[in-house]
Amino acid sequence: MPGSTGTTTASRNPWSAIVDQLAQRGVRTLFLQTGLWDEASDILDAQNNERSPPYWAGFPWPEMPASYDVVLPIAYWSVNKPPACPGADAASYIRDVVAKTQALMGTSKPIQPIGGIADCLRAQDVTTYVDATKAAGSIGGSLYDFLTIQANPEQDVFWSALHRLNG
């Protein structure tokens, strides 16, 4: 398979095992099938640097651009929603994740944020997420995961909103 293996940080950083696991999992979906990019990888949410700085110290952000052509931050904005699942601020969360990811990597790469967990989302949440993803200049977006989307009574609205990311 052309492209890098994603293991360039193995001898440099305590985070290398996580990066290697992400690389091995790969996100080799349509990107590889269409030949648009050699390799894509999902990465940790840049917002975590602020939640627990000592825990995330040393994550190899600057090394990521050399290993991947497309970056997919795990931007689960919905996990910050209180238990009762009121509306969350997907717009600012996605904007910040994309901006911080680019800043921490030190370069601009195509980004596709992996959005919130769909179990307690509402139609307006998903619409806001899609709008924010497009406004951030991202190449696409998604929710986690298919089963929670399908179990949601507003699934048809979710799919309709997500479809807007295709064009």
Foldseek 3Di string as FASTA:
>chain_A
DDAAQQQPCVVPFPCSVVSNVQSVVFPCDVCVVVVVWDGETEDEQLCVCVVDVVVCPGDPLLCVVRRTQEYEYAQAQQVPAPPVQDATQLQVSLLVRQVSSCVSNVHDHAYEYEYHAQQRDDLVNLLSNLVNCVVSVHLAYYYPDDVSLVPDPCNVSNVVSRVVSVD
